[in-house]
Amino acid sequence: MRGFATAVCVFFFFSTLPLITVLGTKAYWGLLPFSMGGVALFWVAVRRNGRDRQILEILEICPERTRLSRHQARKEDQLWEAPTYWTQLSLYKSEGPVPDYVTLKNQSREVEIGAFLSQEERIELHKDLRAALSRHRS
């Protein structure tokens, strides 16, 4: 939140800086609403971007079924499930859209998991999922 406030203040400063040249004139009052409108639009855009980037993935691994549900802002929820015994876990080192791309696959469909994580976190996720799947299969 601190970075957000700093960004809005910096944007406010630089958008009102040109108004100093017309300070004390009628032109100032004509230009001020546009400057403040720009600050308001910047604030709204940054807040909306933060909300749109929120992704929630819920992975449930049971002995019988593995289920992944993904919730994203302004998008329909996505659901993938497969029998745990047949669930395949893959780690694509360089073939995916990002390095260390992690996927789950059933007989017909392959889905990504943890796309919003850093490269190191995806590697750790792969290790944890491999252990969890093997534990539930036996």
Foldseek 3Di string as FASTA:
>chain_A
DVVLVVVLVVLLCVLCVVLVVVPPHPVSVVCVVVSVVVSVVVSVVVVVVVQQPDKDWDWDDALFKIKIWIDGPPDDIDIDMDGLLQKDWDFDQPPDPDGRWIWIDHPPDIDTPPPVPDNVVSVVVSVVVVVRSVVSPD
